[in-house]
N, C-alpha and C. Protein backbone atom coordinates (compact mmCIF):
# COMPACT_ATOMS: atom_id res chain seq x y z
N MET A 1 26.97 -15.59 -60.86
CA MET A 1 27.96 -14.69 -60.49
C MET A 1 29.11 -15.26 -59.70
N ILE A 2 30.29 -14.85 -60.05
CA ILE A 2 31.45 -15.40 -59.37
C ILE A 2 32.12 -14.26 -58.58
N CYS A 3 33.09 -14.72 -57.77
CA CYS A 3 33.82 -13.81 -56.84
C CYS A 3 34.45 -12.53 -57.53
N GLY A 4 35.02 -12.71 -58.65
CA GLY A 4 35.53 -11.60 -59.50
C GLY A 4 34.54 -10.61 -59.91
N ASP A 5 33.34 -11.17 -60.22
CA ASP A 5 32.28 -10.30 -60.68
C ASP A 5 31.85 -9.25 -59.37
N VAL A 6 31.75 -10.10 -58.30
CA VAL A 6 31.34 -9.40 -57.02
C VAL A 6 32.45 -8.30 -56.62
N THR A 7 33.60 -8.64 -56.69
CA THR A 7 34.76 -7.76 -56.24
C THR A 7 34.53 -6.52 -57.08
N GLN A 8 34.27 -6.58 -58.33
CA GLN A 8 34.23 -5.46 -59.16
C GLN A 8 33.00 -4.50 -58.76
N LEU A 9 31.91 -5.13 -58.18
CA LEU A 9 30.69 -4.43 -57.85
C LEU A 9 30.56 -3.99 -56.48
N LEU A 10 31.54 -4.40 -55.55
CA LEU A 10 31.46 -4.18 -54.06
C LEU A 10 31.04 -2.78 -53.72
N ASP A 11 31.82 -1.83 -54.21
CA ASP A 11 31.57 -0.41 -53.89
C ASP A 11 30.14 0.11 -54.18
N ALA A 12 29.76 -0.25 -55.53
CA ALA A 12 28.39 0.15 -55.87
C ALA A 12 27.26 -0.50 -55.13
N PHE A 13 27.65 -1.88 -54.81
CA PHE A 13 26.64 -2.62 -54.08
C PHE A 13 26.50 -2.11 -52.64
N VAL A 14 27.65 -1.77 -51.96
CA VAL A 14 27.37 -1.10 -50.60
C VAL A 14 26.83 0.30 -50.50
N ASP A 15 27.06 0.90 -51.60
CA ASP A 15 26.35 2.35 -51.71
C ASP A 15 24.94 2.30 -52.35
N GLY A 16 24.46 1.06 -52.65
CA GLY A 16 23.14 0.92 -53.19
C GLY A 16 22.85 1.53 -54.37
N GLU A 17 23.89 1.45 -55.37
CA GLU A 17 23.84 2.02 -56.74
C GLU A 17 23.66 0.93 -57.76
N LEU A 18 23.45 -0.25 -57.34
CA LEU A 18 23.20 -1.21 -58.48
C LEU A 18 21.78 -1.24 -58.80
N PRO A 19 21.47 -1.64 -59.90
CA PRO A 19 20.03 -1.90 -60.32
C PRO A 19 19.52 -3.04 -59.50
N GLY A 20 18.26 -3.20 -59.25
CA GLY A 20 17.62 -4.23 -58.31
C GLY A 20 18.12 -5.59 -58.59
N PRO A 21 17.99 -6.05 -59.92
CA PRO A 21 18.39 -7.60 -60.15
C PRO A 21 19.82 -7.72 -59.89
N MET A 22 20.76 -6.80 -60.27
CA MET A 22 22.19 -6.96 -59.86
C MET A 22 22.38 -7.03 -58.47
N LEU A 23 21.78 -6.10 -57.80
CA LEU A 23 21.83 -5.95 -56.34
C LEU A 23 21.68 -7.36 -55.69
N LEU A 24 20.53 -8.00 -56.11
CA LEU A 24 20.09 -9.17 -55.70
C LEU A 24 21.07 -10.36 -56.00
N GLU A 25 21.66 -10.23 -57.20
CA GLU A 25 22.64 -11.37 -57.46
C GLU A 25 23.77 -11.22 -56.66
N VAL A 26 24.35 -10.05 -56.41
CA VAL A 26 25.48 -9.77 -55.44
C VAL A 26 25.24 -10.33 -54.10
N ALA A 27 23.95 -9.76 -53.72
CA ALA A 27 23.70 -10.33 -52.15
C ALA A 27 23.52 -11.88 -52.08
N ARG A 28 22.95 -12.53 -53.22
CA ARG A 28 22.78 -13.92 -52.98
C ARG A 28 24.20 -14.53 -53.07
N HIS A 29 25.09 -14.15 -53.89
CA HIS A 29 26.51 -14.67 -54.00
C HIS A 29 27.15 -14.42 -52.66
N ALA A 30 27.22 -13.26 -52.14
CA ALA A 30 27.84 -12.95 -50.87
C ALA A 30 27.25 -13.75 -49.71
N ALA A 31 25.83 -14.16 -49.75
CA ALA A 31 25.29 -14.96 -48.66
C ALA A 31 25.81 -16.20 -48.70
N SER A 32 26.32 -16.79 -49.74
CA SER A 32 26.85 -18.07 -49.90
C SER A 32 28.34 -18.19 -50.16
N CYS A 33 29.03 -17.05 -49.99
CA CYS A 33 30.47 -16.92 -50.12
C CYS A 33 31.09 -16.19 -49.00
N PRO A 34 31.72 -16.95 -48.00
CA PRO A 34 32.26 -16.22 -46.86
C PRO A 34 33.33 -15.26 -47.15
N PRO A 35 34.17 -15.38 -48.18
CA PRO A 35 35.11 -14.27 -48.42
C PRO A 35 34.44 -13.08 -48.88
N CYS A 36 33.56 -13.21 -49.87
CA CYS A 36 32.74 -12.05 -50.43
C CYS A 36 31.92 -11.33 -49.32
N ASP A 37 31.27 -12.25 -48.46
CA ASP A 37 30.48 -11.77 -47.44
C ASP A 37 31.44 -10.83 -46.42
N ALA A 38 32.54 -11.29 -46.06
CA ALA A 38 33.52 -10.56 -45.32
C ALA A 38 33.75 -9.31 -45.97
N ALA A 39 34.01 -9.23 -47.37
CA ALA A 39 34.46 -7.94 -48.02
C ALA A 39 33.36 -6.96 -47.95
N VAL A 40 32.09 -7.53 -48.11
CA VAL A 40 30.83 -6.59 -48.00
C VAL A 40 30.72 -6.03 -46.61
N ARG A 41 30.92 -6.93 -45.49
CA ARG A 41 30.88 -6.38 -44.15
C ARG A 41 31.96 -5.34 -43.90
N SER A 42 33.20 -5.52 -44.39
CA SER A 42 34.33 -4.61 -44.21
C SER A 42 34.06 -3.37 -44.88
N LEU A 43 33.53 -3.34 -46.09
CA LEU A 43 33.23 -2.06 -46.69
C LEU A 43 31.98 -1.42 -46.07
N GLU A 44 31.05 -2.12 -45.61
CA GLU A 44 29.93 -1.41 -44.82
C GLU A 44 30.45 -0.77 -43.58
N ALA A 45 31.40 -1.49 -42.94
CA ALA A 45 31.99 -0.90 -41.58
C ALA A 45 32.66 0.34 -41.90
N VAL A 46 33.54 0.48 -43.04
CA VAL A 46 34.31 1.60 -43.32
C VAL A 46 33.32 2.65 -43.71
N ARG A 47 32.31 2.33 -44.61
CA ARG A 47 31.33 3.34 -45.05
C ARG A 47 30.66 4.10 -43.81
N GLY A 48 30.24 3.17 -42.82
CA GLY A 48 29.64 3.59 -41.44
C GLY A 48 30.57 4.54 -40.67
N ALA A 49 31.89 4.17 -40.67
CA ALA A 49 32.81 4.94 -39.94
C ALA A 49 33.01 6.26 -40.61
N VAL A 50 33.13 6.33 -41.96
CA VAL A 50 33.26 7.56 -42.69
C VAL A 50 32.03 8.48 -42.43
N GLU A 51 30.81 7.87 -42.52
CA GLU A 51 29.55 8.63 -42.47
C GLU A 51 29.53 9.27 -41.11
N ARG A 52 29.87 8.44 -40.03
CA ARG A 52 29.80 9.14 -38.51
C ARG A 52 30.83 10.25 -38.46
N THR A 53 31.98 9.92 -38.99
CA THR A 53 33.02 11.00 -38.90
C THR A 53 32.84 12.21 -39.65
N VAL A 54 32.13 12.13 -40.80
CA VAL A 54 31.70 13.45 -41.52
C VAL A 54 30.55 13.97 -40.81
N ARG A 55 29.59 13.24 -40.28
CA ARG A 55 28.51 13.83 -39.64
C ARG A 55 28.80 14.66 -38.30
N ALA A 56 29.88 13.97 -37.64
CA ALA A 56 30.27 14.64 -36.44
C ALA A 56 30.97 15.99 -36.73
N ALA A 57 31.81 15.99 -37.81
CA ALA A 57 32.50 17.16 -38.20
C ALA A 57 31.43 18.29 -38.56
N ALA A 58 30.35 17.77 -39.45
CA ALA A 58 29.41 18.77 -39.94
C ALA A 58 28.64 19.30 -38.69
N ASP A 59 28.36 18.46 -37.85
CA ASP A 59 27.72 19.00 -36.55
C ASP A 59 28.45 20.10 -35.70
N ARG A 60 29.69 19.99 -35.86
CA ARG A 60 30.59 20.87 -35.22
C ARG A 60 30.74 22.18 -35.83
N LEU A 61 30.36 22.36 -37.08
CA LEU A 61 30.56 23.35 -37.83
C LEU A 61 29.72 24.66 -37.28
N ASP A 62 30.25 25.92 -37.17
CA ASP A 62 29.58 27.07 -36.73
C ASP A 62 29.23 27.86 -37.94
N LEU A 63 28.01 27.84 -38.45
CA LEU A 63 27.65 28.64 -39.63
C LEU A 63 27.00 29.91 -39.28
N GLY A 64 26.94 30.33 -37.96
CA GLY A 64 26.46 31.39 -37.70
C GLY A 64 26.93 32.73 -38.31
N PRO A 65 28.27 32.89 -38.40
CA PRO A 65 28.75 34.03 -39.15
C PRO A 65 28.49 34.12 -40.71
N VAL A 66 28.13 32.99 -41.27
CA VAL A 66 27.87 32.78 -42.78
C VAL A 66 26.52 33.47 -42.99
N TRP A 67 25.58 33.15 -42.23
CA TRP A 67 24.15 33.54 -42.65
C TRP A 67 24.07 35.05 -42.87
N PRO A 68 24.63 35.99 -41.95
CA PRO A 68 24.53 37.34 -42.29
C PRO A 68 25.01 37.91 -43.70
N ALA A 69 26.18 37.11 -44.10
CA ALA A 69 26.64 37.40 -45.42
C ALA A 69 25.69 36.80 -46.58
N VAL A 70 24.84 35.84 -46.35
CA VAL A 70 23.99 35.38 -47.34
C VAL A 70 22.90 36.19 -47.51
């Protein structure tokens, strides 16, 4: 696997959407390639920030008025 292959698969890799063997190939490449490793870490950080933001917004929702209508 080369950097161009990894670049195309980064989103699916970070989201855990790749099949096992391909997931392992991307991980092996990133482990030995500092630029690809940095790209993976950057995407993981963005994913984590988005997840925390969405979770915080969902926690603030007041669904109390909705339940009587259901």
